[in-house]
Amino acid sequence: MAGSTPDTVRSSWLRDCNSMLISALCNLTVLVVLGLLSGAASDQWGGIKLMAEAGAGDSSNFDDSPLEETFELKAVTDSAESIGPITSLEVATPTAELASLNALSESAARASGLEGLALGGASADDGASGRSTDFFGIGGYGQTFVYVVDASDSMNENGKFDRARYELLQSIEQLASDQRYFVIFYNDDAYPMDADEPVMATEKQFAATTEWVNAAVADRGTNPLPALLYALSLKPDAVFFLSDGQFDPLTIQVLRAHNRPTKRVGKRQIPIHTVAFVDYMTIGIMRAIARDSGGEHRFVK
C-alpha cells in the first residue's frame, strides 16, 4: 500500500495538469473568436463578403471600366420643372404670328364683336401714377407697357372676362399722359389693338381704347404664344400676361429663347409679369414664365 502512493499522486497531478491545459486552450479559443468578431464589427461588416481572385486566364474576359455614377430619381410635380434648361433649341416663328397679326391689325376693332359689357372708364390722371402702374396688384415700372389678356371661351365663366377688362382699364388709367401702352387679346390667335406701336396714354386715346376693350368678347381656345411674341417684339419695359387656362408648356422654352438677354448686341430681357387667373392648374407654367424673365407672378382667385 505504501509503495503505490507515489504513483497515485503522480497520476492525480497529471490529470490536474491536463485539465488546466485544456481549460487554458478553451479560454484562448474563446478570446480569439471574440477578437475576430470585435474586429469585424469595427469595420462595419454588413454581411458575408465574397472575394474572387482571377486566375491566370485571359484577362480580356473582365471589364475594368468604371461603373456609372448612381443618381436619385425625383418626382416632378411642377410643370415648369419638367421642361428643364434649354441646351440647343431652334425656334421658328409660329405661322399664326405674322399671318394672322397682319390681318388683325388692319381690322382690330372687329376682333371681338359687339357683345361686350360696357365697363366705363374715366380719363387718365396725368399726375397720379408717376412712372409705374399695377395690374391685379403686380406693380410694373417703366415708360411702356404691353397687356396680354386671355379672351378664350373659359373666361366667360363667373364673370372672369368682365373682371379682367375692368382691371385692364384701371391699370391703363394709372398711366401718365407721356407713358405708352398696348393691348393684345388672345384665344387661338392674337388680337392686337388697332395701332402699329404702343400709344400714348392720353385722354383721347384712353377713350378709344375703352370703347374697343368693352366691345370685346371671349371665345375659342387658348394659345398665348403668338400674342406674347408680338408683345416682346414691341420692346416694352414690361409685359402683363393673364391666363385662366392651361396651354402648351413648350411656350416656356420658346419665350426663354426669344427673351434671352444678349450683352453683345445690347439686347435686354423684358420682364413678363404673370397673373394665373382663378384656375390653380395654371400656376406652375405662369410662375415659370415670370421667373425666367425676371417678372413677378401672382395667383388671383
Protein backbone atom coordinates (compact mmCIF):
# COMPACT_ATOMS: atom_id res chain seq x y z
CA MET A 1 0.00 0.00 0.00
CA ALA A 2 2.80 2.39 0.96
CA GLY A 3 4.65 1.64 -2.32
CA SER A 4 1.77 2.67 -4.51
CA THR A 5 1.26 6.10 -3.00
CA PRO A 6 3.75 7.99 -5.24
CA ASP A 7 2.16 6.54 -8.39
CA THR A 8 -1.24 7.64 -7.27
CA VAL A 9 -0.05 11.16 -6.52
CA ARG A 10 1.75 11.37 -9.88
CA SER A 11 -1.36 10.24 -11.74
CA SER A 12 -3.53 12.79 -9.95
CA TRP A 13 -1.03 15.54 -10.72
CA LEU A 14 -1.04 14.68 -14.46
CA ARG A 15 -4.78 14.74 -14.55
CA ASP A 16 -4.81 18.19 -12.96
CA CYS A 17 -2.22 19.46 -15.48
CA ASN A 18 -4.23 18.11 -18.41
CA SER A 19 -7.38 19.74 -17.09
CA MET A 20 -5.65 23.09 -16.70
CA LEU A 21 -4.14 22.87 -20.19
CA ILE A 22 -7.47 22.03 -21.79
CA SER A 23 -9.16 24.86 -19.89
CA ALA A 24 -6.47 27.32 -21.00
CA LEU A 25 -6.83 26.26 -24.64
CA CYS A 26 -10.60 26.67 -24.47
CA ASN A 27 -10.29 30.14 -22.96
CA LEU A 28 -7.72 31.13 -25.58
CA THR A 29 -10.01 29.92 -28.38
CA VAL A 30 -12.91 31.95 -26.97
CA LEU A 31 -10.72 35.07 -26.76
CA VAL A 32 -9.54 34.64 -30.37
CA VAL A 33 -13.11 34.24 -31.63
CA LEU A 34 -14.28 37.29 -29.67
CA GLY A 35 -11.37 39.30 -31.04
CA LEU A 36 -12.26 38.39 -34.61
CA LEU A 37 -15.91 39.29 -34.10
CA SER A 38 -14.95 42.62 -32.50
CA GLY A 39 -12.67 43.47 -35.44
CA ALA A 40 -15.37 42.69 -37.95
CA ALA A 41 -17.85 44.91 -36.12
CA SER A 42 -15.39 47.83 -36.05
CA ASP A 43 -15.06 47.58 -39.82
CA GLN A 44 -18.87 47.86 -40.14
CA TRP A 45 -19.08 44.47 -41.76
CA GLY A 46 -22.64 44.20 -43.00
CA GLY A 47 -22.63 40.61 -44.16
CA ILE A 48 -20.58 37.95 -45.88
CA LYS A 49 -18.01 39.33 -48.31
CA LEU A 50 -17.06 37.10 -51.17
CA MET A 51 -13.67 37.71 -52.75
CA ALA A 52 -12.71 36.17 -56.05
CA GLU A 53 -9.21 36.10 -57.37
CA ALA A 54 -8.80 35.95 -61.12
CA GLY A 55 -6.60 33.15 -62.24
CA ALA A 56 -4.03 33.15 -64.93
CA GLY A 57 -6.70 33.02 -67.64
CA ASP A 58 -7.49 35.51 -70.38
CA SER A 59 -7.84 38.94 -68.79
CA SER A 60 -9.92 40.18 -71.72
CA ASN A 61 -12.93 38.45 -70.22
CA PHE A 62 -13.03 41.04 -67.44
CA ASP A 63 -14.45 44.55 -67.92
CA ASP A 64 -12.42 47.00 -65.86
CA SER A 65 -14.38 50.07 -66.97
CA PRO A 66 -15.68 52.26 -64.08
CA LEU A 67 -19.26 51.87 -63.01
CA GLU A 68 -21.68 54.64 -63.93
CA GLU A 69 -22.49 57.12 -61.20
CA THR A 70 -25.70 56.47 -59.34
CA PHE A 71 -28.48 59.05 -59.42
CA GLU A 72 -31.60 59.80 -57.47
CA LEU A 73 -34.99 59.70 -59.10
CA LYS A 74 -37.06 62.74 -58.23
CA ALA A 75 -40.77 63.15 -58.81
CA VAL A 76 -41.56 66.39 -60.60
CA THR A 77 -44.79 67.99 -59.54
CA ASP A 78 -44.29 71.39 -61.11
CA SER A 79 -44.86 71.56 -64.90
CA ALA A 80 -42.09 74.14 -65.13
CA GLU A 81 -39.53 71.79 -63.64
CA SER A 82 -40.37 69.16 -66.23
CA ILE A 83 -39.15 71.45 -69.02
CA GLY A 84 -35.57 71.69 -67.80
CA PRO A 85 -32.89 74.00 -69.19
CA ILE A 86 -32.55 74.66 -72.90
CA THR A 87 -29.45 73.10 -74.41
CA SER A 88 -29.97 73.68 -78.11
CA LEU A 89 -33.25 74.92 -79.45
CA GLU A 90 -34.15 76.32 -82.83
CA VAL A 91 -37.25 78.44 -82.52
CA ALA A 92 -39.26 79.05 -85.64
CA THR A 93 -41.73 81.91 -85.60
CA PRO A 94 -45.21 80.37 -85.38
CA THR A 95 -47.07 80.54 -88.67
CA ALA A 96 -50.04 82.11 -86.94
CA GLU A 97 -48.00 85.02 -85.64
CA LEU A 98 -47.26 87.12 -88.72
CA ALA A 99 -50.05 85.80 -90.96
CA SER A 100 -52.85 86.47 -88.51
CA LEU A 101 -51.42 89.57 -86.82
CA ASN A 102 -51.02 91.48 -90.07
CA ALA A 103 -54.64 90.84 -90.95
CA LEU A 104 -55.85 91.57 -87.44
CA SER A 105 -54.01 94.87 -87.20
CA GLU A 106 -55.99 96.13 -90.20
CA SER A 107 -59.32 95.37 -88.54
CA ALA A 108 -58.60 95.04 -84.85
CA ALA A 109 -61.91 96.60 -83.85
CA ARG A 110 -63.86 93.60 -85.15
CA ALA A 111 -61.65 91.09 -83.33
CA SER A 112 -64.15 90.58 -80.53
CA GLY A 113 -67.56 91.57 -81.87
CA LEU A 114 -70.02 93.95 -80.25
CA GLU A 115 -71.41 91.91 -77.38
CA GLY A 116 -69.21 93.00 -74.51
CA LEU A 117 -70.43 94.54 -71.28
CA ALA A 118 -69.67 98.24 -71.00
CA LEU A 119 -67.42 98.92 -68.03
CA GLY A 120 -66.89 102.63 -68.37
CA GLY A 121 -63.60 104.42 -67.70
CA ALA A 122 -62.53 107.89 -66.73
CA SER A 123 -59.81 109.95 -68.33
CA ALA A 124 -56.24 109.30 -67.23
CA ASP A 125 -54.85 111.33 -64.37
CA ASP A 126 -51.57 112.74 -65.59
CA GLY A 127 -50.02 113.29 -62.19
CA ALA A 128 -51.30 110.34 -60.17
CA SER A 129 -49.19 107.46 -61.43
CA GLY A 130 -45.60 108.69 -61.75
CA ARG A 131 -43.52 106.12 -63.66
CA SER A 132 -45.37 102.99 -62.60
CA THR A 133 -48.68 101.17 -62.76
CA ASP A 134 -50.08 97.87 -61.50
CA PHE A 135 -52.24 95.07 -62.85
CA PHE A 136 -54.08 92.81 -60.40
CA GLY A 137 -51.73 94.02 -57.68
CA ILE A 138 -48.48 93.40 -59.60
CA GLY A 139 -46.51 96.61 -59.92
CA GLY A 140 -44.68 97.49 -63.12
CA TYR A 141 -42.12 100.25 -63.52
CA GLY A 142 -41.20 101.90 -66.81
CA GLN A 143 -42.36 104.02 -69.69
CA THR A 144 -44.07 101.46 -71.95
CA PHE A 145 -46.30 98.51 -71.05
CA VAL A 146 -47.99 95.77 -73.07
CA TYR A 147 -51.03 93.87 -71.74
CA VAL A 148 -51.64 90.31 -72.99
CA VAL A 149 -55.10 89.26 -71.79
CA ASP A 150 -56.90 85.92 -72.14
CA ALA A 151 -60.06 86.09 -74.26
CA SER A 152 -60.74 82.35 -74.57
CA ASP A 153 -64.17 80.84 -74.00
CA SER A 154 -63.40 79.80 -70.41
CA MET A 155 -63.11 83.48 -69.47
CA ASN A 156 -66.91 83.75 -69.82
CA GLU A 157 -67.36 81.69 -66.64
CA ASN A 158 -68.32 83.54 -63.45
CA GLY A 159 -67.72 86.98 -64.95
CA LYS A 160 -63.96 86.47 -65.31
CA PHE A 161 -63.68 88.35 -68.59
CA ASP A 162 -65.59 91.36 -67.25
CA ARG A 163 -63.31 91.43 -64.24
CA ALA A 164 -60.16 91.15 -66.36
CA ARG A 165 -61.25 94.01 -68.64
CA TYR A 166 -62.09 96.18 -65.64
CA GLU A 167 -58.63 95.64 -64.12
CA LEU A 168 -57.03 96.25 -67.52
CA LEU A 169 -58.68 99.66 -67.90
CA GLN A 170 -57.88 100.53 -64.27
CA SER A 171 -54.21 99.81 -64.93
CA ILE A 172 -54.09 101.91 -68.10
CA GLU A 173 -55.86 104.73 -66.30
CA GLN A 174 -52.99 104.96 -63.82
CA LEU A 175 -50.51 105.85 -66.57
CA ALA A 176 -49.28 109.38 -67.09
CA SER A 177 -50.03 111.04 -70.42
CA ASP A 178 -46.40 110.69 -71.57
CA GLN A 179 -46.32 106.94 -70.94
CA ARG A 180 -47.28 104.35 -73.56
CA TYR A 181 -49.32 101.14 -73.62
CA PHE A 182 -50.55 98.43 -75.94
CA VAL A 183 -53.27 95.76 -75.51
CA ILE A 184 -53.42 92.30 -77.08
CA PHE A 185 -56.33 89.93 -76.50
CA TYR A 186 -55.77 86.29 -77.40
CA ASN A 187 -57.56 82.96 -77.73
CA ASP A 188 -56.38 80.62 -80.51
CA ASP A 189 -54.80 83.67 -82.17
CA ALA A 190 -53.63 87.16 -81.18
CA TYR A 191 -55.87 90.22 -81.45
CA PRO A 192 -53.87 93.46 -81.02
CA MET A 193 -55.42 96.88 -80.70
CA ASP A 194 -55.59 98.97 -83.86
CA ALA A 195 -52.14 100.56 -83.74
CA ASP A 196 -48.70 99.82 -85.15
CA GLU A 197 -46.90 100.51 -81.88
CA PRO A 198 -47.63 101.40 -78.24
CA VAL A 199 -49.81 104.50 -77.97
CA MET A 200 -49.60 107.50 -75.67
CA ALA A 201 -51.78 107.32 -72.57
CA THR A 202 -53.70 110.49 -73.43
CA GLU A 203 -57.33 111.12 -72.55
CA LYS A 204 -58.42 110.80 -76.18
CA GLN A 205 -56.54 107.53 -76.71
CA PHE A 206 -57.82 106.08 -73.44
CA ALA A 207 -61.40 106.77 -74.51
CA ALA A 208 -60.84 104.92 -77.80
CA THR A 209 -59.17 102.01 -76.01
CA THR A 210 -62.03 101.81 -73.50
CA GLU A 211 -64.56 101.50 -76.33
CA TRP A 212 -62.54 98.74 -78.00
CA VAL A 213 -61.95 96.81 -74.77
CA ASN A 214 -65.61 96.99 -73.77
CA ALA A 215 -66.63 95.65 -77.19
CA ALA A 216 -64.52 92.53 -76.79
CA VAL A 217 -66.00 89.05 -76.29
CA ALA A 218 -64.29 85.82 -75.27
CA ASP A 219 -64.48 82.61 -77.28
CA ARG A 220 -62.48 79.63 -78.66
CA GLY A 221 -59.35 78.01 -77.19
CA THR A 222 -56.11 79.12 -75.50
CA ASN A 223 -52.79 79.74 -77.26
CA PRO A 224 -50.98 82.79 -75.85
CA LEU A 225 -47.66 82.28 -77.69
CA PRO A 226 -48.35 84.43 -80.80
CA ALA A 227 -49.60 87.27 -78.58
CA LEU A 228 -46.60 87.05 -76.26
CA LEU A 229 -44.09 87.02 -79.12
CA TYR A 230 -45.83 90.03 -80.62
CA ALA A 231 -45.69 91.78 -77.24
CA LEU A 232 -41.93 91.17 -76.93
CA SER A 233 -41.37 92.49 -80.46
CA LEU A 234 -42.75 95.87 -79.31
CA LYS A 235 -39.83 96.12 -76.82
CA PRO A 236 -41.79 97.43 -73.83
CA ASP A 237 -40.41 97.95 -70.35
CA ALA A 238 -42.71 95.20 -69.06
CA VAL A 239 -45.44 92.81 -70.17
CA PHE A 240 -48.52 91.96 -68.10
CA PHE A 241 -49.79 88.48 -69.03
CA LEU A 242 -53.08 86.98 -67.77
CA SER A 243 -54.40 83.47 -68.39
CA ASP A 244 -57.14 81.38 -66.79
CA GLY A 245 -56.41 78.11 -68.60
CA GLN A 246 -53.66 75.62 -69.33
CA PHE A 247 -51.67 75.80 -72.55
CA ASP A 248 -48.67 74.14 -74.19
CA PRO A 249 -45.72 74.05 -71.72
CA LEU A 250 -43.35 74.43 -74.69
CA THR A 251 -44.33 78.11 -74.51
CA ILE A 252 -41.85 78.40 -71.62
CA GLN A 253 -38.90 77.35 -73.76
CA VAL A 254 -39.89 79.48 -76.74
CA LEU A 255 -40.21 82.60 -74.60
CA ARG A 256 -36.94 81.80 -72.85
CA ALA A 257 -35.15 81.66 -76.21
CA HIS A 258 -36.78 84.84 -77.59
CA ASN A 259 -36.38 86.85 -74.40
CA ARG A 260 -32.78 85.94 -73.55
CA PRO A 261 -30.59 88.98 -72.76
CA THR A 262 -27.55 89.33 -75.03
CA LYS A 263 -24.87 91.82 -73.99
CA ARG A 264 -23.03 91.58 -77.31
CA VAL A 265 -25.91 93.13 -79.24
CA GLY A 266 -27.29 95.11 -76.33
CA LYS A 267 -30.49 93.09 -76.04
CA ARG A 268 -32.11 93.33 -72.62
CA GLN A 269 -34.54 90.92 -71.03
CA ILE A 270 -38.14 92.10 -70.80
CA PRO A 271 -39.92 91.15 -67.54
CA ILE A 272 -43.19 89.29 -68.06
CA HIS A 273 -45.46 89.71 -65.04
CA THR A 274 -47.93 86.83 -64.94
CA VAL A 275 -51.40 86.51 -63.43
CA ALA A 276 -52.74 82.96 -63.04
CA PHE A 277 -56.46 83.68 -63.00
CA VAL A 278 -58.81 81.54 -60.85
CA ASP A 279 -57.58 78.14 -62.15
CA TYR A 280 -54.89 76.63 -59.86
CA MET A 281 -53.66 74.41 -62.71
CA THR A 282 -52.12 77.46 -64.43
CA ILE A 283 -49.84 78.38 -61.53
CA GLY A 284 -46.84 76.23 -62.47
CA ILE A 285 -46.41 77.37 -66.05
CA MET A 286 -47.24 81.03 -65.27
CA ARG A 287 -44.75 81.11 -62.41
CA ALA A 288 -42.06 79.65 -64.67
CA ILE A 289 -42.62 82.31 -67.35
CA ALA A 290 -42.35 85.08 -64.77
CA ARG A 291 -39.26 83.56 -63.15
CA ASP A 292 -37.42 83.08 -66.45
CA SER A 293 -37.99 86.70 -67.46
CA GLY A 294 -37.34 88.38 -64.12
CA GLY A 295 -41.01 89.23 -63.71
CA GLU A 296 -43.45 88.79 -60.84
CA HIS A 297 -46.16 86.15 -60.51
CA ARG A 298 -49.50 86.21 -58.74
CA PHE A 299 -52.42 83.84 -58.43
CA VAL A 300 -55.79 85.61 -58.32
CA LYS A 301 -58.92 83.80 -57.17
